PDB file of N, CA and C in Angstrom:
ATOM      1  N   MET A   1     -20.759  66.555  58.421  1.00  0.00           N
ATOM      2  CA  MET A   1     -20.757  65.128  58.212  1.00  0.00           C
ATOM      3  C   MET A   1     -21.622  64.469  59.286  1.00  0.00           C
ATOM      4  N   PHE A   2     -22.365  63.475  58.867  1.00  0.00           N
ATOM      5  CA  PHE A   2     -23.214  62.728  59.788  1.00  0.00           C
ATOM      6  C   PHE A   2     -22.598  61.359  60.034  1.00  0.00           C
ATOM      7  N   VAL A   3     -22.680  60.894  61.266  1.00  0.00           N
ATOM      8  CA  VAL A   3     -22.114  59.603  61.632  1.00  0.00           C
ATOM      9  C   VAL A   3     -23.231  58.717  62.156  1.00  0.00           C
ATOM     10  N   CYS A   4     -23.201  57.459  61.740  1.00  0.00           N
ATOM     11  CA  CYS A   4     -24.195  56.500  62.196  1.00  0.00           C
ATOM     12  C   CYS A   4     -23.508  55.178  62.506  1.00  0.00           C
ATOM     13  N   ASP A   5     -23.582  54.747  63.749  1.00  0.00           N
ATOM     14  CA  ASP A   5     -23.053  53.447  64.165  1.00  0.00           C
ATOM     15  C   ASP A   5     -24.193  52.440  64.055  1.00  0.00           C
ATOM     16  N   VAL A   6     -24.121  51.562  63.054  1.00  0.00           N
ATOM     17  CA  VAL A   6     -25.224  50.629  62.813  1.00  0.00           C
ATOM     18  C   VAL A   6     -25.359  49.558  63.893  1.00  0.00           C
ATOM     19  N   LEU A   7     -24.433  49.523  64.839  1.00  0.00           N
ATOM     20  CA  LEU A   7     -24.552  48.590  65.962  1.00  0.00           C
ATOM     21  C   LEU A   7     -25.323  49.199  67.125  1.00  0.00           C
ATOM     22  N   SER A   8     -25.691  50.467  66.994  1.00  0.00           N
ATOM     23  CA  SER A   8     -26.370  51.175  68.084  1.00  0.00           C
ATOM     24  C   SER A   8     -27.710  51.710  67.595  1.00  0.00           C
ATOM     25  N   GLU A   9     -28.789  51.233  68.190  1.00  0.00           N
ATOM     26  CA  GLU A   9     -30.114  51.720  67.816  1.00  0.00           C
ATOM     27  C   GLU A   9     -30.243  53.217  68.094  1.00  0.00           C
ATOM     28  N   ALA A  10     -29.651  53.673  69.196  1.00  0.00           N
ATOM     29  CA  ALA A  10     -29.692  55.104  69.521  1.00  0.00           C
ATOM     30  C   ALA A  10     -28.975  55.922  68.457  1.00  0.00           C
ATOM     31  N   SER A  11     -27.834  55.426  67.980  1.00  0.00           N
ATOM     32  CA  SER A  11     -27.088  56.129  66.936  1.00  0.00           C
ATOM     33  C   SER A  11     -27.888  56.195  65.644  1.00  0.00           C
ATOM     34  N   ILE A  12     -28.526  55.087  65.279  1.00  0.00           N
ATOM     35  CA  ILE A  12     -29.361  55.058  64.073  1.00  0.00           C
ATOM     36  C   ILE A  12     -30.506  56.064  64.204  1.00  0.00           C
ATOM     37  N   THR A  13     -31.181  56.049  65.341  1.00  0.00           N
ATOM     38  CA  THR A  13     -32.308  56.955  65.579  1.00  0.00           C
ATOM     39  C   THR A  13     -31.867  58.413  65.526  1.00  0.00           C
ATOM     40  N   ASN A  14     -30.745  58.725  66.165  1.00  0.00           N
ATOM     41  CA  ASN A  14     -30.231  60.099  66.152  1.00  0.00           C
ATOM     42  C   ASN A  14     -29.822  60.527  64.746  1.00  0.00           C
ATOM     43  N   PHE A  15     -29.175  59.635  64.023  1.00  0.00           N
ATOM     44  CA  PHE A  15     -28.760  59.928  62.648  1.00  0.00           C
ATOM     45  C   PHE A  15     -29.970  60.267  61.774  1.00  0.00           C
ATOM     46  N   VAL A  16     -30.979  59.433  61.832  1.00  0.00           N
ATOM     47  CA  VAL A  16     -32.176  59.650  61.016  1.00  0.00           C
ATOM     48  C   VAL A  16     -32.869  60.951  61.423  1.00  0.00           C
ATOM     49  N   ALA A  17     -32.918  61.244  62.716  1.00  0.00           N
ATOM     50  CA  ALA A  17     -33.533  62.492  63.183  1.00  0.00           C
ATOM     51  C   ALA A  17     -32.765  63.707  62.666  1.00  0.00           C
ATOM     52  N   GLU A  18     -31.431  63.639  62.677  1.00  0.00           N
ATOM     53  CA  GLU A  18     -30.612  64.743  62.155  1.00  0.00           C
ATOM     54  C   GLU A  18     -30.865  64.964  60.665  1.00  0.00           C
ATOM     55  N   ILE A  19     -30.915  63.881  59.922  1.00  0.00           N
ATOM     56  CA  ILE A  19     -31.144  63.968  58.471  1.00  0.00           C
ATOM     57  C   ILE A  19     -32.552  64.506  58.201  1.00  0.00           C
ATOM     58  N   ALA A  20     -33.527  63.978  58.913  1.00  0.00           N
ATOM     59  CA  ALA A  20     -34.926  64.374  58.704  1.00  0.00           C
ATOM     60  C   ALA A  20     -35.173  65.838  59.057  1.00  0.00           C
ATOM     61  N   ALA A  21     -34.317  66.436  59.869  1.00  0.00           N
ATOM     62  CA  ALA A  21     -34.488  67.827  60.283  1.00  0.00           C
ATOM     63  C   ALA A  21     -33.995  68.828  59.235  1.00  0.00           C
ATOM     64  N   ILE A  22     -33.377  68.349  58.172  1.00  0.00           N
ATOM     65  CA  ILE A  22     -32.872  69.250  57.128  1.00  0.00           C
ATOM     66  C   ILE A  22     -34.047  69.652  56.232  1.00  0.00           C
ATOM     67  N   PRO A  23     -34.366  70.944  56.212  1.00  0.00           N
ATOM     68  CA  PRO A  23     -35.528  71.392  55.421  1.00  0.00           C
ATOM     69  C   PRO A  23     -35.334  71.156  53.926  1.00  0.00           C
ATOM     70  N   GLY A  24     -36.374  70.626  53.283  1.00  0.00           N
ATOM     71  CA  GLY A  24     -36.374  70.446  51.838  1.00  0.00           C
ATOM     72  C   GLY A  24     -35.424  69.382  51.316  1.00  0.00           C
ATOM     73  N   LEU A  25     -34.925  68.537  52.184  1.00  0.00           N
ATOM     74  CA  LEU A  25     -33.971  67.511  51.763  1.00  0.00           C
ATOM     75  C   LEU A  25     -34.620  66.494  50.840  1.00  0.00           C
ATOM     76  N   LYS A  26     -33.935  66.162  49.763  1.00  0.00           N
ATOM     77  CA  LYS A  26     -34.332  65.088  48.856  1.00  0.00           C
ATOM     78  C   LYS A  26     -33.077  64.269  48.592  1.00  0.00           C
ATOM     79  N   LEU A  27     -33.184  62.961  48.709  1.00  0.00           N
ATOM     80  CA  LEU A  27     -32.031  62.087  48.488  1.00  0.00           C
ATOM     81  C   LEU A  27     -32.265  61.229  47.255  1.00  0.00           C
ATOM     82  N   ASP A  28     -31.442  61.420  46.243  1.00  0.00           N
ATOM     83  CA  ASP A  28     -31.544  60.579  45.061  1.00  0.00           C
ATOM     84  C   ASP A  28     -30.995  59.185  45.341  1.00  0.00           C
ATOM     85  N   TYR A  29     -29.878  59.135  46.061  1.00  0.00           N
ATOM     86  CA  TYR A  29     -29.231  57.864  46.393  1.00  0.00           C
ATOM     87  C   TYR A  29     -28.804  57.864  47.851  1.00  0.00           C
ATOM     88  N   VAL A  30     -29.010  56.754  48.512  1.00  0.00           N
ATOM     89  CA  VAL A  30     -28.492  56.533  49.862  1.00  0.00           C
ATOM     90  C   VAL A  30     -27.629  55.284  49.773  1.00  0.00           C
ATOM     91  N   VAL A  31     -26.365  55.407  50.149  1.00  0.00           N
ATOM     92  CA  VAL A  31     -25.463  54.257  50.178  1.00  0.00           C
ATOM     93  C   VAL A  31     -25.184  53.936  51.639  1.00  0.00           C
ATOM     94  N   ILE A  32     -25.621  52.764  52.049  1.00  0.00           N
ATOM     95  CA  ILE A  32     -25.372  52.314  53.425  1.00  0.00           C
ATOM     96  C   ILE A  32     -24.208  51.333  53.345  1.00  0.00           C
ATOM     97  N   ASN A  33     -23.043  51.822  53.752  1.00  0.00           N
ATOM     98  CA  ASN A  33     -21.804  51.057  53.657  1.00  0.00           C
ATOM     99  C   ASN A  33     -21.374  50.650  55.056  1.00  0.00           C
ATOM    100  N   ALA A  34     -21.627  49.417  55.412  1.00  0.00           N
ATOM    101  CA  ALA A  34     -21.258  48.920  56.734  1.00  0.00           C
ATOM    102  C   ALA A  34     -20.849  47.467  56.598  1.00  0.00           C
ATOM    103  N   GLY A  35     -19.618  47.164  56.947  1.00  0.00           N
ATOM    104  CA  GLY A  35     -19.187  45.784  56.833  1.00  0.00           C
ATOM    105  C   GLY A  35     -17.962  45.494  57.665  1.00  0.00           C
ATOM    106  N   VAL A  36     -17.913  44.296  58.200  1.00  0.00           N
ATOM    107  CA  VAL A  36     -16.744  43.830  58.944  1.00  0.00           C
ATOM    108  C   VAL A  36     -16.425  42.414  58.490  1.00  0.00           C
ATOM    109  N   LEU A  37     -15.185  42.062  58.647  1.00  0.00           N
ATOM    110  CA  LEU A  37     -14.740  40.699  58.362  1.00  0.00           C
ATOM    111  C   LEU A  37     -13.616  40.400  59.337  1.00  0.00           C
ATOM    112  N   ARG A  38     -13.953  39.712  60.396  1.00  0.00           N
ATOM    113  CA  ARG A  38     -12.964  39.334  61.405  1.00  0.00           C
ATOM    114  C   ARG A  38     -12.543  37.894  61.183  1.00  0.00           C
ATOM    115  N   TYR A  39     -11.315  37.614  61.485  1.00  0.00           N
ATOM    116  CA  TYR A  39     -10.808  36.251  61.388  1.00  0.00           C
ATOM    117  C   TYR A  39     -10.605  35.692  62.783  1.00  0.00           C
ATOM    118  N   PRO A  40     -10.782  34.404  63.032  1.00  0.00           N
ATOM    119  CA  PRO A  40     -11.173  33.423  62.018  1.00  0.00           C
ATOM    120  C   PRO A  40     -12.628  33.629  61.606  1.00  0.00           C
ATOM    121  N   ASN A  41     -12.892  33.302  60.362  1.00  0.00           N
ATOM    122  CA  ASN A  41     -14.226  33.507  59.819  1.00  0.00           C
ATOM    123  C   ASN A  41     -14.837  32.197  59.319  1.00  0.00           C
ATOM    124  N   ARG A  42     -14.288  31.096  59.729  1.00  0.00           N
ATOM    125  CA  ARG A  42     -14.840  29.803  59.322  1.00  0.00           C
ATOM    126  C   ARG A  42     -16.043  29.464  60.196  1.00  0.00           C
ATOM    127  N   ALA A  43     -17.052  28.926  59.579  1.00  0.00           N
ATOM    128  CA  ALA A  43     -18.287  28.592  60.302  1.00  0.00           C
ATOM    129  C   ALA A  43     -18.013  27.664  61.478  1.00  0.00           C
ATOM    130  N   THR A  44     -17.001  26.815  61.348  1.00  0.00           N
ATOM    131  CA  THR A  44     -16.687  25.864  62.417  1.00  0.00           C
ATOM    132  C   THR A  44     -15.883  26.501  63.548  1.00  0.00           C
ATOM    133  N   GLU A  45     -15.441  27.755  63.379  1.00  0.00           N
ATOM    134  CA  GLU A  45     -14.607  28.403  64.383  1.00  0.00           C
ATOM    135  C   GLU A  45     -15.250  29.642  65.009  1.00  0.00           C
ATOM    136  N   LEU A  46     -16.334  30.141  64.433  1.00  0.00           N
ATOM    137  CA  LEU A  46     -16.973  31.357  64.937  1.00  0.00           C
ATOM    138  C   LEU A  46     -17.724  31.086  66.234  1.00  0.00           C
ATOM    139  N   SER A  47     -17.555  32.000  67.184  1.00  0.00           N
ATOM    140  CA  SER A  47     -18.360  31.906  68.400  1.00  0.00           C
ATOM    141  C   SER A  47     -19.715  32.558  68.120  1.00  0.00           C
ATOM    142  N   PHE A  48     -20.646  32.372  69.018  1.00  0.00           N
ATOM    143  CA  PHE A  48     -21.959  33.006  68.896  1.00  0.00           C
ATOM    144  C   PHE A  48     -21.799  34.519  68.817  1.00  0.00           C
ATOM    145  N   GLU A  49     -20.981  35.087  69.707  1.00  0.00           N
ATOM    146  CA  GLU A  49     -20.780  36.543  69.735  1.00  0.00           C
ATOM    147  C   GLU A  49     -20.159  37.062  68.446  1.00  0.00           C
ATOM    148  N   GLU A  50     -19.176  36.338  67.899  1.00  0.00           N
ATOM    149  CA  GLU A  50     -18.543  36.776  66.650  1.00  0.00           C
ATOM    150  C   GLU A  50     -19.531  36.724  65.492  1.00  0.00           C
ATOM    151  N   PHE A  51     -20.313  35.650  65.437  1.00  0.00           N
ATOM    152  CA  PHE A  51     -21.299  35.522  64.360  1.00  0.00           C
ATOM    153  C   PHE A  51     -22.364  36.610  64.474  1.00  0.00           C
ATOM    154  N   ALA A  52     -22.840  36.874  65.693  1.00  0.00           N
ATOM    155  CA  ALA A  52     -23.841  37.920  65.920  1.00  0.00           C
ATOM    156  C   ALA A  52     -23.279  39.281  65.540  1.00  0.00           C
ATOM    157  N   PHE A  53     -22.006  39.544  65.843  1.00  0.00           N
ATOM    158  CA  PHE A  53     -21.364  40.805  65.475  1.00  0.00           C
ATOM    159  C   PHE A  53     -21.359  40.981  63.959  1.00  0.00           C
ATOM    160  N   HIS A  54     -20.999  39.925  63.224  1.00  0.00           N
ATOM    161  CA  HIS A  54     -21.010  39.986  61.758  1.00  0.00           C
ATOM    162  C   HIS A  54     -22.423  40.262  61.235  1.00  0.00           C
ATOM    163  N   LEU A  55     -23.402  39.543  61.745  1.00  0.00           N
ATOM    164  CA  LEU A  55     -24.777  39.734  61.274  1.00  0.00           C
ATOM    165  C   LEU A  55     -25.305  41.131  61.588  1.00  0.00           C
ATOM    166  N   HIS A  56     -25.064  41.599  62.775  1.00  0.00           N
ATOM    167  CA  HIS A  56     -25.557  42.926  63.152  1.00  0.00           C
ATOM    168  C   HIS A  56     -24.900  44.024  62.320  1.00  0.00           C
ATOM    169  N   THR A  57     -23.596  43.916  62.087  1.00  0.00           N
ATOM    170  CA  THR A  57     -22.892  44.951  61.336  1.00  0.00           C
ATOM    171  C   THR A  57     -23.201  44.892  59.842  1.00  0.00           C
ATOM    172  N   ASN A  58     -23.178  43.708  59.271  1.00  0.00           N
ATOM    173  CA  ASN A  58     -23.305  43.555  57.813  1.00  0.00           C
ATOM    174  C   ASN A  58     -24.750  43.530  57.331  1.00  0.00           C
ATOM    175  N   THR A  59     -25.692  43.203  58.201  1.00  0.00           N
ATOM    176  CA  THR A  59     -27.068  42.988  57.742  1.00  0.00           C
ATOM    177  C   THR A  59     -28.109  43.737  58.563  1.00  0.00           C
ATOM    178  N   ILE A  60     -28.216  43.405  59.825  1.00  0.00           N
ATOM    179  CA  ILE A  60     -29.316  43.916  60.648  1.00  0.00           C
ATOM    180  C   ILE A  60     -29.268  45.437  60.797  1.00  0.00           C
ATOM    181  N   GLY A  61     -28.132  45.990  61.194  1.00  0.00           N
ATOM    182  CA  GLY A  61     -28.004  47.431  61.372  1.00  0.00           C
ATOM    183  C   GLY A  61     -28.319  48.226  60.112  1.00  0.00           C
ATOM    184  N   PRO A  62     -27.740  47.839  58.960  1.00  0.00           N
ATOM    185  CA  PRO A  62     -28.067  48.562  57.731  1.00  0.00           C
ATOM    186  C   PRO A  62     -29.542  48.478  57.346  1.00  0.00           C
ATOM    187  N   ILE A  63     -30.168  47.338  57.547  1.00  0.00           N
ATOM    188  CA  ILE A  63     -31.589  47.198  57.203  1.00  0.00           C
ATOM    189  C   ILE A  63     -32.446  48.081  58.116  1.00  0.00           C
ATOM    190  N   ILE A  64     -32.139  48.117  59.410  1.00  0.00           N
ATOM    191  CA  ILE A  64     -32.892  48.958  60.335  1.00  0.00           C
ATOM    192  C   ILE A  64     -32.673  50.439  59.997  1.00  0.00           C
ATOM    193  N   THR A  65     -31.454  50.794  59.602  1.00  0.00           N
ATOM    194  CA  THR A  65     -31.182  52.177  59.190  1.00  0.00           C
ATOM    195  C   THR A  65     -32.052  52.557  57.999  1.00  0.00           C
ATOM    196  N   ALA A  66     -32.101  51.695  56.981  1.00  0.00           N
ATOM    197  CA  ALA A  66     -32.941  51.957  55.806  1.00  0.00           C
ATOM    198  C   ALA A  66     -34.411  52.031  56.196  1.00  0.00           C
ATOM    199  N   GLN A  67     -34.840  51.127  57.051  1.00  0.00           N
ATOM    200  CA  GLN A  67     -36.238  51.117  57.508  1.00  0.00           C
ATOM    201  C   GLN A  67     -36.616  52.455  58.146  1.00  0.00           C
ATOM    202  N   LYS A  68     -35.755  52.951  59.029  1.00  0.00           N
ATOM    203  CA  LYS A  68     -36.047  54.217  59.706  1.00  0.00           C
ATOM    204  C   LYS A  68     -36.002  55.396  58.736  1.00  0.00           C
ATOM    205  N   LEU A  69     -35.099  55.369  57.766  1.00  0.00           N
ATOM    206  CA  LEU A  69     -35.059  56.427  56.753  1.00  0.00           C
ATOM    207  C   LEU A  69     -36.337  56.435  55.929  1.00  0.00           C
ATOM    208  N   LEU A  70     -36.817  55.249  55.575  1.00  0.00           N
ATOM    209  CA  LEU A  70     -38.025  55.153  54.750  1.00  0.00           C
ATOM    210  C   LEU A  70     -39.285  55.587  55.503  1.00  0.00           C
ATOM    211  N   LYS A  71     -39.240  55.594  56.819  1.00  0.00           N
ATOM    212  CA  LYS A  71     -40.390  56.034  57.614  1.00  0.00           C
ATOM    213  C   LYS A  71     -40.461  57.554  57.741  1.00  0.00           C
ATOM    214  N   THR A  72     -39.431  58.263  57.265  1.00  0.00           N
ATOM    215  CA  THR A  72     -39.455  59.726  57.305  1.00  0.00           C
ATOM    216  C   THR A  72     -40.219  60.252  56.098  1.00  0.00           C
ATOM    217  N   THR A  73     -40.339  61.548  56.018  1.00  0.00           N
ATOM    218  CA  THR A  73     -40.999  62.173  54.860  1.00  0.00           C
ATOM    219  C   THR A  73     -39.986  62.557  53.780  1.00  0.00           C
ATOM    220  N   ILE A  74     -38.740  62.163  53.951  1.00  0.00           N
ATOM    221  CA  ILE A  74     -37.695  62.488  52.970  1.00  0.00           C
ATOM    222  C   ILE A  74     -37.942  61.699  51.685  1.00  0.00           C
ATOM    223  N   PRO A  75     -38.021  62.373  50.530  1.00  0.00           N
ATOM    224  CA  PRO A  75     -38.103  61.640  49.270  1.00  0.00           C
ATOM    225  C   PRO A  75     -36.757  60.951  48.998  1.00  0.00           C
ATOM    226  N   ILE A  76     -36.792  59.631  48.851  1.00  0.00           N
ATOM    227  CA  ILE A  76     -35.572  58.849  48.621  1.00  0.00           C
ATOM    228  C   ILE A  76     -35.736  58.071  47.322  1.00  0.00           C
ATOM    229  N   GLY A  77     -34.751  58.225  46.433  1.00  0.00           N
ATOM    230  CA  GLY A  77     -34.802  57.526  45.149  1.00  0.00           C
ATOM    231  C   GLY A  77     -34.398  56.062  45.277  1.00  0.00           C
ATOM    232  N   THR A  78     -33.135  55.804  45.584  1.00  0.00           N
ATOM    233  CA  THR A  78     -32.588  54.451  45.621  1.00  0.00           C
ATOM    234  C   THR A  78     -31.754  54.265  46.875  1.00  0.00           C
ATOM    235  N   ILE A  79     -31.912  53.122  47.525  1.00  0.00           N
ATOM    236  CA  ILE A  79     -31.058  52.763  48.652  1.00  0.00           C
ATOM    237  C   ILE A  79     -30.192  51.588  48.229  1.00  0.00           C
ATOM    238  N   VAL A  80     -28.885  51.729  48.442  1.00  0.00           N
ATOM    239  CA  VAL A  80     -27.920  50.699  48.077  1.00  0.00           C
ATOM    240  C   VAL A  80     -27.222  50.224  49.344  1.00  0.00           C
ATOM    241  N   PHE A  81     -27.048  48.931  49.479  1.00  0.00           N
ATOM    242  CA  PHE A  81     -26.341  48.356  50.616  1.00  0.00           C
ATOM    243  C   PHE A  81     -24.981  47.838  50.159  1.00  0.00           C
ATOM    244  N   MET A  82     -23.954  48.119  50.952  1.00  0.00           N
ATOM    245  CA  MET A  82     -22.621  47.614  50.672  1.00  0.00           C
ATOM    246  C   MET A  82     -22.077  47.015  51.962  1.00  0.00           C
ATOM    247  N   SER A  83     -21.465  45.832  51.866  1.00  0.00           N
ATOM    248  CA  SER A  83     -20.984  45.137  53.042  1.00  0.00           C
ATOM    249  C   SER A  83     -19.610  44.549  52.754  1.00  0.00           C
ATOM    250  N   SER A  84     -19.054  43.830  53.722  1.00  0.00           N
ATOM    251  CA  SER A  84     -17.814  43.107  53.476  1.00  0.00           C
ATOM    252  C   SER A  84     -18.142  41.830  52.711  1.00  0.00           C
ATOM    253  N   ASP A  85     -17.111  41.150  52.245  1.00  0.00           N
ATOM    254  CA  ASP A  85     -17.390  39.917  51.501  1.00  0.00           C
ATOM    255  C   ASP A  85     -17.933  38.807  52.394  1.00  0.00           C
ATOM    256  N   SER A  86     -17.851  38.977  53.718  1.00  0.00           N
ATOM    257  CA  SER A  86     -18.438  37.960  54.594  1.00  0.00           C
ATOM    258  C   SER A  86     -19.961  38.020  54.562  1.00  0.00           C
ATOM    259  N   GLY A  87     -20.507  39.103  54.020  1.00  0.00           N
ATOM    260  CA  GLY A  87     -21.952  39.212  53.871  1.00  0.00           C
ATOM    261  C   GLY A  87     -22.437  38.728  52.515  1.00  0.00           C
ATOM    262  N   SER A  88     -21.527  38.236  51.688  1.00  0.00           N
ATOM    263  CA  SER A  88     -21.881  37.820  50.333  1.00  0.00           C
ATOM    264  C   SER A  88     -22.512  36.436  50.313  1.00  0.00           C
ATOM    265  N   ALA A  89     -23.608  36.327  49.592  1.00  0.00           N
ATOM    266  CA  ALA A  89     -24.246  35.025  49.415  1.00  0.00           C
ATOM    267  C   ALA A  89     -23.732  34.346  48.148  1.00  0.00           C
ATOM    268  N   GLN A  90     -22.966  35.069  47.332  1.00  0.00           N
ATOM    269  CA  GLN A  90     -22.500  34.526  46.055  1.00  0.00           C
ATOM    270  C   GLN A  90     -21.003  34.319  45.994  1.00  0.00           C
ATOM    271  N   LEU A  91     -20.232  35.106  46.748  1.00  0.00           N
ATOM    272  CA  LEU A  91     -18.786  35.060  46.649  1.00  0.00           C
ATOM    273  C   LEU A  91     -18.227  34.223  47.798  1.00  0.00           C
ATOM    274  N   PHE A  92     -18.211  32.902  47.597  1.00  0.00           N
ATOM    275  CA  PHE A  92     -17.715  31.997  48.631  1.00  0.00           C
ATOM    276  C   PHE A  92     -16.233  31.753  48.409  1.00  0.00           C
ATOM    277  N   ARG A  93     -15.437  32.023  49.418  1.00  0.00           N
ATOM    278  CA  ARG A  93     -13.996  31.792  49.353  1.00  0.00           C
ATOM    279  C   ARG A  93     -13.641  30.765  50.395  1.00  0.00           C
ATOM    280  N   GLU A  94     -13.332  29.582  49.949  1.00  0.00           N
ATOM    281  CA  GLU A  94     -13.094  28.472  50.872  1.00  0.00           C
ATOM    282  C   GLU A  94     -12.010  28.794  51.901  1.00  0.00           C
ATOM    283  N   MET A  95     -10.936  29.463  51.471  1.00  0.00           N
ATOM    284  CA  MET A  95      -9.838  29.747  52.393  1.00  0.00           C
ATOM    285  C   MET A  95     -10.234  30.767  53.453  1.00  0.00           C
ATOM    286  N   GLU A  96     -11.299  31.569  53.205  1.00  0.00           N
ATOM    287  CA  GLU A  96     -11.742  32.549  54.177  1.00  0.00           C
ATOM    288  C   GLU A  96     -12.989  32.113  54.924  1.00  0.00           C
ATOM    289  N   ASP A  97     -13.941  31.582  54.178  1.00  0.00           N
ATOM    290  CA  ASP A  97     -15.278  31.357  54.725  1.00  0.00           C
ATOM    291  C   ASP A  97     -15.518  29.966  55.279  1.00  0.00           C
ATOM    292  N   GLY A  98     -14.657  29.035  54.914  1.00  0.00           N
ATOM    293  CA  GLY A  98     -14.759  27.681  55.447  1.00  0.00           C
ATOM    294  C   GLY A  98     -16.078  27.060  55.218  1.00  0.00           C
TER     295      GLY A  98
END
């Protein structure tokens, strides 16, 4: 099993290097599942650090992981991103998201 902490650039780099070292590897699907939802989660109550933590975990880390995977010679079919509902641009829940 491979582990990748999307909050750590070193972890992302090591993960991609481990995957890229597998001879003849071909990936039909890559699912990058990284998401957090801490409360309070209202825009009027989030601190800078809490908001940055959400963005890095739900968005930035997964995108950088995909970017580094795509820079390898591994043939990759489809990359799918999955996050918590706090990363949703369509599913607004007033009681959670404020």
